[in-house]
C-alpha cells in the first residue's frame, strides 16, 4: 500500500519515495495496479476517493470522453445506492 499525505496547500507527499507526487502520478500508480491511500495531514482523514475523483476529472478535461458516460453513470448509481442504505 502506497501511503500518501495530502497537505492543506494540495501538495501530496509519497512516504515511499520521500518526495512530492503529482495528481497524475498518483493516477498512474493506480493504473499500474498499485493500491494507494491518501491521508489528510491535518485531520488524518482518508482522502483517497476525493483524490482519485479529482484525477478522473483532470483526465476528462484533457481528453473528453476518456471514461464514457455509461461508466460514469454506473459509478454515480453505485454511490447513490450506498447513500440510500445509510
N, C-alpha and C. Protein backbone atom coordinates (compact mmCIF):
# COMPACT_ATOMS: atom_id res chain seq x y z
N UNK A 1 0.85 -1.18 0.00
CA UNK A 1 0.00 0.00 0.00
C UNK A 1 0.89 1.24 0.00
N UNK A 2 0.68 2.11 -0.96
CA UNK A 2 1.45 3.35 -1.06
C UNK A 2 0.77 4.40 -0.18
N UNK A 3 1.47 4.90 0.83
CA UNK A 3 0.95 5.90 1.76
C UNK A 3 1.31 7.30 1.25
N UNK A 4 0.30 8.11 1.03
CA UNK A 4 0.49 9.47 0.53
C UNK A 4 -0.19 10.43 1.49
N UNK A 5 0.48 11.51 1.82
CA UNK A 5 -0.07 12.53 2.70
C UNK A 5 -0.42 13.76 1.88
N UNK A 6 -1.63 14.26 2.08
CA UNK A 6 -2.05 15.47 1.37
C UNK A 6 -2.03 16.64 2.34
N UNK A 7 -1.36 17.70 1.93
CA UNK A 7 -1.23 18.89 2.75
C UNK A 7 -2.33 19.91 2.41
N UNK A 8 -2.50 20.91 3.26
CA UNK A 8 -3.54 21.92 3.07
C UNK A 8 -3.37 22.68 1.75
N UNK A 9 -2.14 22.82 1.28
CA UNK A 9 -1.89 23.53 0.02
C UNK A 9 -2.08 22.62 -1.19
N UNK A 10 -2.66 21.44 -0.99
CA UNK A 10 -2.99 20.45 -2.02
C UNK A 10 -1.78 19.67 -2.53
N UNK A 11 -0.59 19.95 -1.99
CA UNK A 11 0.57 19.14 -2.36
C UNK A 11 0.45 17.78 -1.69
N UNK A 12 1.00 16.77 -2.35
CA UNK A 12 0.96 15.42 -1.79
C UNK A 12 2.38 14.89 -1.66
N UNK A 13 2.60 14.15 -0.59
CA UNK A 13 3.92 13.62 -0.27
C UNK A 13 3.86 12.10 -0.22
N UNK A 14 4.72 11.45 -0.98
CA UNK A 14 4.78 9.99 -1.05
C UNK A 14 5.83 9.52 -0.04
N UNK A 15 5.38 8.78 0.97
CA UNK A 15 6.31 8.35 2.02
C UNK A 15 7.32 7.31 1.52
N UNK A 16 6.99 6.57 0.46
CA UNK A 16 7.92 5.55 -0.05
C UNK A 16 9.10 6.20 -0.77
N UNK A 17 8.80 7.18 -1.62
CA UNK A 17 9.89 7.83 -2.36
C UNK A 17 10.47 9.02 -1.61
N UNK A 18 9.79 9.39 -0.53
CA UNK A 18 10.20 10.55 0.27
C UNK A 18 10.30 11.82 -0.56
N UNK A 19 9.25 12.01 -1.35
CA UNK A 19 9.19 13.21 -2.18
C UNK A 19 7.75 13.53 -2.54
N UNK A 20 7.57 14.70 -3.10
CA UNK A 20 6.24 15.12 -3.52
C UNK A 20 5.82 14.35 -4.76
N UNK A 21 4.51 14.15 -4.90
CA UNK A 21 3.96 13.39 -6.01
C UNK A 21 2.78 14.17 -6.59
N UNK A 22 2.64 14.12 -7.89
CA UNK A 22 1.57 14.85 -8.56
C UNK A 22 0.30 14.01 -8.60
N UNK A 23 -0.80 14.68 -8.87
CA UNK A 23 -2.08 14.01 -9.02
C UNK A 23 -2.03 13.00 -10.15
N UNK A 24 -1.42 13.37 -11.25
CA UNK A 24 -1.29 12.47 -12.39
C UNK A 24 -0.46 11.25 -12.04
N UNK A 25 0.59 11.43 -11.26
CA UNK A 25 1.44 10.32 -10.86
C UNK A 25 0.69 9.35 -9.95
N UNK A 26 -0.16 9.87 -9.09
CA UNK A 26 -0.99 9.01 -8.24
C UNK A 26 -1.91 8.17 -9.12
N UNK A 27 -2.54 8.80 -10.10
CA UNK A 27 -3.44 8.08 -11.01
C UNK A 27 -2.68 7.00 -11.79
N UNK A 28 -1.46 7.29 -12.20
CA UNK A 28 -0.66 6.29 -12.93
C UNK A 28 -0.32 5.10 -12.04
N UNK A 29 -0.07 5.35 -10.75
CA UNK A 29 0.19 4.24 -9.83
C UNK A 29 -1.02 3.32 -9.77
N UNK A 30 -2.20 3.91 -9.69
CA UNK A 30 -3.43 3.12 -9.63
C UNK A 30 -3.61 2.33 -10.92
N UNK A 31 -3.32 2.95 -12.06
CA UNK A 31 -3.43 2.26 -13.35
C UNK A 31 -2.49 1.07 -13.43
N UNK A 32 -1.36 1.16 -12.76
CA UNK A 32 -0.39 0.05 -12.75
C UNK A 32 -0.78 -1.05 -11.76
N UNK A 33 -1.88 -0.82 -11.02
CA UNK A 33 -2.36 -1.83 -10.09
C UNK A 33 -1.91 -1.63 -8.65
N UNK A 34 -1.24 -0.54 -8.37
CA UNK A 34 -0.78 -0.29 -7.01
C UNK A 34 -1.91 0.29 -6.18
N UNK A 35 -2.02 -0.15 -4.95
CA UNK A 35 -3.02 0.41 -4.03
C UNK A 35 -2.42 1.63 -3.37
N UNK A 36 -3.23 2.68 -3.28
CA UNK A 36 -2.78 3.91 -2.64
C UNK A 36 -3.76 4.30 -1.55
N UNK A 37 -3.25 4.98 -0.56
CA UNK A 37 -4.08 5.56 0.48
C UNK A 37 -3.60 6.98 0.69
N UNK A 38 -4.51 7.94 0.52
CA UNK A 38 -4.18 9.35 0.69
C UNK A 38 -4.83 9.83 1.98
N UNK A 39 -4.01 10.36 2.87
CA UNK A 39 -4.47 10.82 4.17
C UNK A 39 -4.23 12.31 4.31
N UNK A 40 -5.23 13.02 4.82
CA UNK A 40 -5.08 14.45 5.08
C UNK A 40 -4.14 14.64 6.26
N UNK A 41 -3.14 15.47 6.09
CA UNK A 41 -2.13 15.67 7.13
C UNK A 41 -2.72 16.22 8.41
N UNK A 42 -3.65 17.17 8.30
CA UNK A 42 -4.17 17.83 9.49
C UNK A 42 -5.26 17.03 10.21
N UNK A 43 -6.22 16.50 9.45
CA UNK A 43 -7.35 15.80 10.06
C UNK A 43 -7.13 14.30 10.20
N UNK A 44 -6.13 13.78 9.49
CA UNK A 44 -5.84 12.34 9.43
C UNK A 44 -6.96 11.57 8.74
N UNK A 45 -7.88 12.28 8.07
CA UNK A 45 -8.97 11.65 7.36
C UNK A 45 -8.52 11.03 6.05
N UNK A 46 -9.27 10.03 5.59
CA UNK A 46 -8.97 9.34 4.34
C UNK A 46 -9.45 10.19 3.17
N UNK A 47 -8.53 10.61 2.32
CA UNK A 47 -8.83 11.47 1.16
C UNK A 47 -8.70 10.71 -0.16
N UNK A 48 -8.55 9.40 -0.09
CA UNK A 48 -8.26 8.61 -1.29
C UNK A 48 -9.32 8.80 -2.37
N UNK A 49 -10.58 8.62 -2.02
CA UNK A 49 -11.65 8.75 -3.01
C UNK A 49 -11.68 10.13 -3.64
N UNK A 50 -11.54 11.16 -2.82
CA UNK A 50 -11.58 12.53 -3.34
C UNK A 50 -10.42 12.78 -4.30
N UNK A 51 -9.25 12.29 -3.97
CA UNK A 51 -8.08 12.49 -4.84
C UNK A 51 -8.24 11.73 -6.15
N UNK A 52 -8.74 10.50 -6.09
CA UNK A 52 -8.93 9.72 -7.31
C UNK A 52 -10.02 10.34 -8.20
N UNK A 53 -11.08 10.86 -7.59
CA UNK A 53 -12.10 11.55 -8.37
C UNK A 53 -11.54 12.80 -9.03
N UNK A 54 -10.70 13.51 -8.30
CA UNK A 54 -10.06 14.70 -8.85
C UNK A 54 -9.18 14.32 -10.05
N UNK A 55 -8.46 13.22 -9.93
CA UNK A 55 -7.62 12.75 -11.03
C UNK A 55 -8.48 12.41 -12.25
N UNK A 56 -9.61 11.76 -12.02
CA UNK A 56 -10.52 11.43 -13.11
C UNK A 56 -11.03 12.70 -13.80
N UNK A 57 -11.36 13.71 -13.01
CA UNK A 57 -11.84 14.97 -13.59
C UNK A 57 -10.76 15.62 -14.45
N UNK A 58 -9.52 15.58 -14.00
CA UNK A 58 -8.43 16.17 -14.78
C UNK A 58 -8.22 15.42 -16.09
N UNK A 59 -8.31 14.10 -16.04
CA UNK A 59 -8.17 13.32 -17.27
C UNK A 59 -9.30 13.63 -18.23
N UNK A 60 -10.51 13.76 -17.69
CA UNK A 60 -11.68 14.04 -18.53
C UNK A 60 -11.57 15.43 -19.17
N UNK A 61 -11.03 16.39 -18.43
CA UNK A 61 -10.82 17.73 -19.01
C UNK A 61 -9.83 17.67 -20.16
N UNK A 62 -8.78 16.91 -19.99
CA UNK A 62 -7.74 16.83 -21.02
C UNK A 62 -8.13 15.99 -22.21
N UNK A 63 -8.99 15.03 -21.99
CA UNK A 63 -9.41 14.12 -23.06
C UNK A 63 -10.88 13.77 -22.85
N UNK A 64 -11.79 14.66 -23.28
CA UNK A 64 -13.22 14.42 -23.06
C UNK A 64 -13.65 13.07 -23.60
N UNK A 65 -14.45 12.38 -22.81
CA UNK A 65 -14.92 11.06 -23.19
C UNK A 65 -13.99 9.94 -22.76
N UNK A 66 -12.97 10.26 -21.98
CA UNK A 66 -11.98 9.27 -21.55
C UNK A 66 -12.64 8.11 -20.79
N UNK A 67 -13.67 8.39 -20.04
CA UNK A 67 -14.31 7.36 -19.23
C UNK A 67 -15.63 6.88 -19.81
N UNK A 68 -16.28 7.70 -20.59
CA UNK A 68 -17.56 7.31 -21.18
C UNK A 68 -18.71 7.49 -20.22
N UNK A 69 -19.81 7.94 -20.74
CA UNK A 69 -20.99 8.20 -19.92
C UNK A 69 -21.52 6.96 -19.20
N UNK A 70 -21.56 5.79 -19.86
CA UNK A 70 -22.07 4.61 -19.14
C UNK A 70 -21.25 4.28 -17.89
N UNK A 71 -19.94 4.36 -17.99
CA UNK A 71 -19.08 4.05 -16.84
C UNK A 71 -19.30 5.06 -15.71
N UNK A 72 -19.34 6.33 -16.06
CA UNK A 72 -19.55 7.36 -15.04
C UNK A 72 -20.94 7.26 -14.43
N UNK A 73 -21.94 6.98 -15.25
CA UNK A 73 -23.30 6.81 -14.74
C UNK A 73 -23.36 5.64 -13.76
N UNK A 74 -22.66 4.57 -14.09
CA UNK A 74 -22.61 3.41 -13.19
C UNK A 74 -21.98 3.74 -11.86
N UNK A 75 -20.93 4.55 -11.87
CA UNK A 75 -20.30 4.97 -10.62
C UNK A 75 -21.26 5.77 -9.76
N UNK A 76 -21.99 6.68 -10.40
CA UNK A 76 -22.93 7.52 -9.66
C UNK A 76 -24.08 6.66 -9.11
N UNK A 77 -24.58 5.73 -9.92
CA UNK A 77 -25.66 4.86 -9.44
C UNK A 77 -25.18 4.03 -8.25
N UNK A 78 -23.97 3.51 -8.33
CA UNK A 78 -23.44 2.72 -7.22
C UNK A 78 -23.29 3.53 -5.95
N UNK A 79 -22.81 4.75 -6.09
CA UNK A 79 -22.67 5.62 -4.93
C UNK A 79 -24.03 6.00 -4.38
N UNK A 80 -25.00 6.21 -5.26
CA UNK A 80 -26.35 6.56 -4.83
C UNK A 80 -26.99 5.44 -4.03
N UNK A 81 -26.75 4.19 -4.42
CA UNK A 81 -27.30 3.04 -3.69
C UNK A 81 -26.70 2.96 -2.31
N UNK A 82 -25.38 3.21 -2.20
CA UNK A 82 -24.73 3.18 -0.90
C UNK A 82 -25.30 4.26 0.01
N UNK A 83 -25.51 5.44 -0.55
CA UNK A 83 -26.03 6.57 0.23
C UNK A 83 -27.45 6.29 0.70
N UNK A 84 -28.27 5.66 -0.14
CA UNK A 84 -29.65 5.36 0.21
C UNK A 84 -29.73 4.34 1.35
N UNK A 85 -28.75 3.44 1.45
CA UNK A 85 -28.76 2.42 2.50
C UNK A 85 -28.39 2.97 3.87
N UNK A 86 -27.72 4.10 3.91
CA UNK A 86 -27.27 4.65 5.20
C UNK A 86 -28.41 5.23 5.99
